[in-house]
Amino acid sequence: MNVIYNDIIEIQNCPEGCKAVTVEELISTADFISLHMPGTNGKPIIGKEEFEKMKNGVYILNLARGGGIIDEEALIQALDSGKVAAAALDVFEEEPIKMKDYINMKNSINSSYWRFNNRSSKKNWRRDSVYNQRRT
């Protein structure tokens, strides 16, 4: 398997078969695109134009922190057309997720930040909050 990536920092000691490429090359040649970055406040990084340049049947994983990375309407169109074979997102423009068209698609998986909404996580969050308040 070949792994291509685009980052502001080049990976040192990248394993064999791994190389840095331009965003344009990544979008046009990747079979899987996995996004790991902070959210944007402006134009999405992946929109209609970028989806059109992608290989047919590409898989998209959006594991970014914050919305604005993917134009969600363009993603729904790309999923409907088959340009994107499947998508898995754990971040959305609005949370809890309100994209009914996306939620009901058979080729999509969604998991909100709220996956950490359990007793153990809440207990740890409360403990850490109290600790941080006492420190200030």
C-alpha atoms as a PDB file:
ATOM      1  CA  MET A   1       0.000   0.000   0.000  1.00  0.00           C
ATOM      2  CA  ASN A   2       1.196   3.492  -0.800  1.00  0.00           C
ATOM      3  CA  VAL A   3       0.414   6.264   1.650  1.00  0.00           C
ATOM      4  CA  ILE A   4       0.403   9.867   0.486  1.00  0.00           C
ATOM      5  CA  TYR A   5      -0.158  12.835   2.737  1.00  0.00           C
ATOM      6  CA  ASN A   6      -0.224  16.594   2.836  1.00  0.00           C
ATOM      7  CA  ASP A   7       0.795  18.440   5.967  1.00  0.00           C
ATOM      8  CA  ILE A   8       2.513  21.662   6.934  1.00  0.00           C
ATOM      9  CA  ILE A   9       5.226  19.527   8.531  1.00  0.00           C
ATOM     10  CA  GLU A  10       6.978  16.792   6.590  1.00  0.00           C
ATOM     11  CA  ILE A  11       7.021  13.469   8.410  1.00  0.00           C
ATOM     12  CA  GLN A  12      10.547  12.452   9.316  1.00  0.00           C
ATOM     13  CA  ASN A  13      11.435   8.772   8.931  1.00  0.00           C
ATOM     14  CA  CYS A  14       8.322   8.150   6.889  1.00  0.00           C
ATOM     15  CA  PRO A  15       7.954   4.399   6.230  1.00  0.00           C
ATOM     16  CA  GLU A  16       8.645   3.025   2.758  1.00  0.00           C
ATOM     17  CA  GLY A  17       5.767   3.788   0.415  1.00  0.00           C
ATOM     18  CA  CYS A  18       4.839   7.003   2.248  1.00  0.00           C
ATOM     19  CA  LYS A  19       5.396  10.392   0.651  1.00  0.00           C
ATOM     20  CA  ALA A  20       4.340  14.013   0.878  1.00  0.00           C
ATOM     21  CA  VAL A  21       2.320  15.377  -2.056  1.00  0.00           C
ATOM     22  CA  THR A  22       0.455  18.540  -2.942  1.00  0.00           C
ATOM     23  CA  VAL A  23      -3.190  18.887  -1.930  1.00  0.00           C
ATOM     24  CA  GLU A  24      -4.115  18.721  -5.622  1.00  0.00           C
ATOM     25  CA  GLU A  25      -2.252  15.441  -6.136  1.00  0.00           C
ATOM     26  CA  LEU A  26      -3.728  13.955  -2.988  1.00  0.00           C
ATOM     27  CA  ILE A  27      -7.288  14.879  -3.970  1.00  0.00           C
ATOM     28  CA  SER A  28      -6.950  13.513  -7.497  1.00  0.00           C
ATOM     29  CA  THR A  29      -5.147  10.242  -6.733  1.00  0.00           C
ATOM     30  CA  ALA A  30      -6.153   8.990  -3.274  1.00  0.00           C
ATOM     31  CA  ASP A  31      -8.498   6.054  -2.731  1.00  0.00           C
ATOM     32  CA  PHE A  32      -9.041   7.107   0.895  1.00  0.00           C
ATOM     33  CA  ILE A  33      -8.900  10.670   2.190  1.00  0.00           C
ATOM     34  CA  SER A  34      -8.637  11.095   5.944  1.00  0.00           C
ATOM     35  CA  LEU A  35      -8.792  14.633   7.314  1.00  0.00           C
ATOM     36  CA  HIS A  36      -7.145  15.551  10.640  1.00  0.00           C
ATOM     37  CA  MET A  37      -6.920  19.309  11.137  1.00  0.00           C
ATOM     38  CA  PRO A  38      -8.485  22.209  12.997  1.00  0.00           C
ATOM     39  CA  GLY A  39     -11.750  23.580  11.669  1.00  0.00           C
ATOM     40  CA  THR A  40     -11.939  26.521   9.302  1.00  0.00           C
ATOM     41  CA  ASN A  41     -13.928  29.717   9.530  1.00  0.00           C
ATOM     42  CA  GLY A  42     -13.951  30.341   5.820  1.00  0.00           C
ATOM     43  CA  LYS A  43     -14.395  28.393   2.623  1.00  0.00           C
ATOM     44  CA  PRO A  44     -14.411  24.604   3.139  1.00  0.00           C
ATOM     45  CA  ILE A  45     -11.245  22.786   2.112  1.00  0.00           C
ATOM     46  CA  ILE A  46     -13.283  20.051   0.401  1.00  0.00           C
ATOM     47  CA  GLY A  47     -16.130  21.391  -1.717  1.00  0.00           C
ATOM     48  CA  LYS A  48     -17.863  20.664  -5.007  1.00  0.00           C
ATOM     49  CA  GLU A  49     -14.757  21.420  -7.114  1.00  0.00           C
ATOM     50  CA  GLU A  50     -12.563  19.131  -5.029  1.00  0.00           C
ATOM     51  CA  PHE A  51     -15.108  16.291  -5.165  1.00  0.00           C
ATOM     52  CA  GLU A  52     -15.190  16.596  -8.960  1.00  0.00           C
ATOM     53  CA  LYS A  53     -11.392  16.110  -9.090  1.00  0.00           C
ATOM     54  CA  MET A  54     -11.468  12.973  -6.910  1.00  0.00           C
ATOM     55  CA  LYS A  55     -11.357   9.414  -8.198  1.00  0.00           C
ATOM     56  CA  ASN A  56     -14.720   7.715  -8.515  1.00  0.00           C
ATOM     57  CA  GLY A  57     -15.450   5.596  -5.473  1.00  0.00           C
ATOM     58  CA  VAL A  58     -13.179   7.501  -3.050  1.00  0.00           C
ATOM     59  CA  TYR A  59     -13.715   7.085   0.699  1.00  0.00           C
ATOM     60  CA  ILE A  60     -13.756  10.143   2.975  1.00  0.00           C
ATOM     61  CA  LEU A  61     -13.011  10.200   6.704  1.00  0.00           C
ATOM     62  CA  ASN A  62     -13.376  13.551   8.447  1.00  0.00           C
ATOM     63  CA  LEU A  63     -11.783  13.347  11.877  1.00  0.00           C
ATOM     64  CA  ALA A  64     -11.034  17.063  12.072  1.00  0.00           C
ATOM     65  CA  ARG A  65     -11.612  19.213  15.126  1.00  0.00           C
ATOM     66  CA  GLY A  66     -14.259  21.749  14.261  1.00  0.00           C
ATOM     67  CA  GLY A  67     -16.552  22.337  11.323  1.00  0.00           C
ATOM     68  CA  GLY A  68     -15.959  23.972   7.996  1.00  0.00           C
ATOM     69  CA  ILE A  69     -13.625  21.371   6.500  1.00  0.00           C
ATOM     70  CA  ILE A  70     -16.160  19.753   4.154  1.00  0.00           C
ATOM     71  CA  ASP A  71     -19.035  21.391   2.306  1.00  0.00           C
ATOM     72  CA  GLU A  72     -21.722  19.070   3.662  1.00  0.00           C
ATOM     73  CA  GLU A  73     -24.199  19.654   0.814  1.00  0.00           C
ATOM     74  CA  ALA A  74     -21.482  18.867  -1.741  1.00  0.00           C
ATOM     75  CA  LEU A  75     -20.645  15.708   0.228  1.00  0.00           C
ATOM     76  CA  ILE A  76     -24.275  14.552   0.107  1.00  0.00           C
ATOM     77  CA  GLN A  77     -24.309  15.091  -3.678  1.00  0.00           C
ATOM     78  CA  ALA A  78     -21.016  13.202  -4.052  1.00  0.00           C
ATOM     79  CA  LEU A  79     -22.369  10.301  -1.973  1.00  0.00           C
ATOM     80  CA  ASP A  80     -25.614  10.244  -4.002  1.00  0.00           C
ATOM     81  CA  SER A  81     -23.728  10.172  -7.302  1.00  0.00           C
ATOM     82  CA  GLY A  82     -21.258   7.470  -6.206  1.00  0.00           C
ATOM     83  CA  LYS A  83     -18.271   9.791  -6.621  1.00  0.00           C
ATOM     84  CA  VAL A  84     -17.733   9.162  -2.903  1.00  0.00           C
ATOM     85  CA  ALA A  85     -18.320   5.489  -2.106  1.00  0.00           C
ATOM     86  CA  ALA A  86     -18.726   6.141   1.615  1.00  0.00           C
ATOM     87  CA  ALA A  87     -18.012   8.766   4.243  1.00  0.00           C
ATOM     88  CA  ALA A  88     -17.406   8.647   7.978  1.00  0.00           C
ATOM     89  CA  LEU A  89     -17.589  11.917   9.905  1.00  0.00           C
ATOM     90  CA  ASP A  90     -17.272  12.750  13.557  1.00  0.00           C
ATOM     91  CA  VAL A  91     -17.575  16.502  13.163  1.00  0.00           C
ATOM     92  CA  PHE A  92     -20.334  18.562  11.566  1.00  0.00           C
ATOM     93  CA  GLU A  93     -21.177  22.205  10.947  1.00  0.00           C
ATOM     94  CA  GLU A  94     -23.948  21.914  13.512  1.00  0.00           C
ATOM     95  CA  GLU A  95     -23.928  19.516  16.424  1.00  0.00           C
ATOM     96  CA  PRO A  96     -25.963  17.647  17.258  1.00  0.00           C
ATOM     97  CA  ILE A  97     -26.091  16.757  13.579  1.00  0.00           C
ATOM     98  CA  LYS A  98     -29.023  18.193  11.645  1.00  0.00           C
ATOM     99  CA  MET A  99     -28.207  16.854   8.167  1.00  0.00           C
ATOM    100  CA  LYS A 100     -31.157  14.462   7.841  1.00  0.00           C
ATOM    101  CA  ASP A 101     -30.184  13.544   4.264  1.00  0.00           C
ATOM    102  CA  TYR A 102     -26.739  12.473   5.463  1.00  0.00           C
ATOM    103  CA  ILE A 103     -27.949  10.587   8.540  1.00  0.00           C
ATOM    104  CA  ASN A 104     -30.281   8.426   6.437  1.00  0.00           C
ATOM    105  CA  MET A 105     -27.724   7.459   3.785  1.00  0.00           C
ATOM    106  CA  LYS A 106     -26.588   3.832   3.770  1.00  0.00           C
ATOM    107  CA  ASN A 107     -23.051   4.824   2.705  1.00  0.00           C
ATOM    108  CA  SER A 108     -22.392   7.160   5.638  1.00  0.00           C
ATOM    109  CA  ILE A 109     -21.353   6.741   9.242  1.00  0.00           C
ATOM    110  CA  ASN A 110     -21.545   9.540  11.752  1.00  0.00           C
ATOM    111  CA  SER A 111     -20.272   9.823  15.275  1.00  0.00           C
ATOM    112  CA  SER A 112     -20.419  13.123  17.085  1.00  0.00           C
ATOM    113  CA  TYR A 113     -18.023  14.434  19.708  1.00  0.00           C
ATOM    114  CA  TRP A 114     -20.736  13.282  22.082  1.00  0.00           C
ATOM    115  CA  ARG A 115     -19.360   9.735  21.868  1.00  0.00           C
ATOM    116  CA  PHE A 116     -17.526  10.667  25.060  1.00  0.00           C
ATOM    117  CA  ASN A 117     -20.832  11.404  26.747  1.00  0.00           C
ATOM    118  CA  ASN A 118     -20.746   8.571  29.269  1.00  0.00           C
ATOM    119  CA  ARG A 119     -20.423   8.271  33.057  1.00  0.00           C
ATOM    120  CA  SER A 120     -16.692   7.697  33.095  1.00  0.00           C
ATOM    121  CA  SER A 121     -15.963  10.636  30.782  1.00  0.00           C
ATOM    122  CA  LYS A 122     -18.281  12.929  32.729  1.00  0.00           C
ATOM    123  CA  LYS A 123     -16.628  11.934  36.004  1.00  0.00           C
ATOM    124  CA  ASN A 124     -13.169  12.629  34.593  1.00  0.00           C
ATOM    125  CA  TRP A 125     -14.338  15.917  33.100  1.00  0.00           C
ATOM    126  CA  ARG A 126     -15.772  17.058  36.438  1.00  0.00           C
ATOM    127  CA  ARG A 127     -12.600  16.024  38.318  1.00  0.00           C
ATOM    128  CA  ASP A 128     -10.364  17.839  35.835  1.00  0.00           C
ATOM    129  CA  SER A 129     -12.579  20.934  35.919  1.00  0.00           C
ATOM    130  CA  VAL A 130     -12.388  21.149  39.706  1.00  0.00           C
ATOM    131  CA  TYR A 131      -8.631  20.597  39.599  1.00  0.00           C
ATOM    132  CA  ASN A 132      -8.189  23.374  37.018  1.00  0.00           C
ATOM    133  CA  GLN A 133     -10.415  25.764  38.983  1.00  0.00           C
ATOM    134  CA  ARG A 134      -8.397  25.218  42.143  1.00  0.00           C
ATOM    135  CA  ARG A 135      -5.164  25.906  40.284  1.00  0.00           C
ATOM    136  CA  THR A 136      -6.343  29.325  39.053  1.00  0.00           C
END
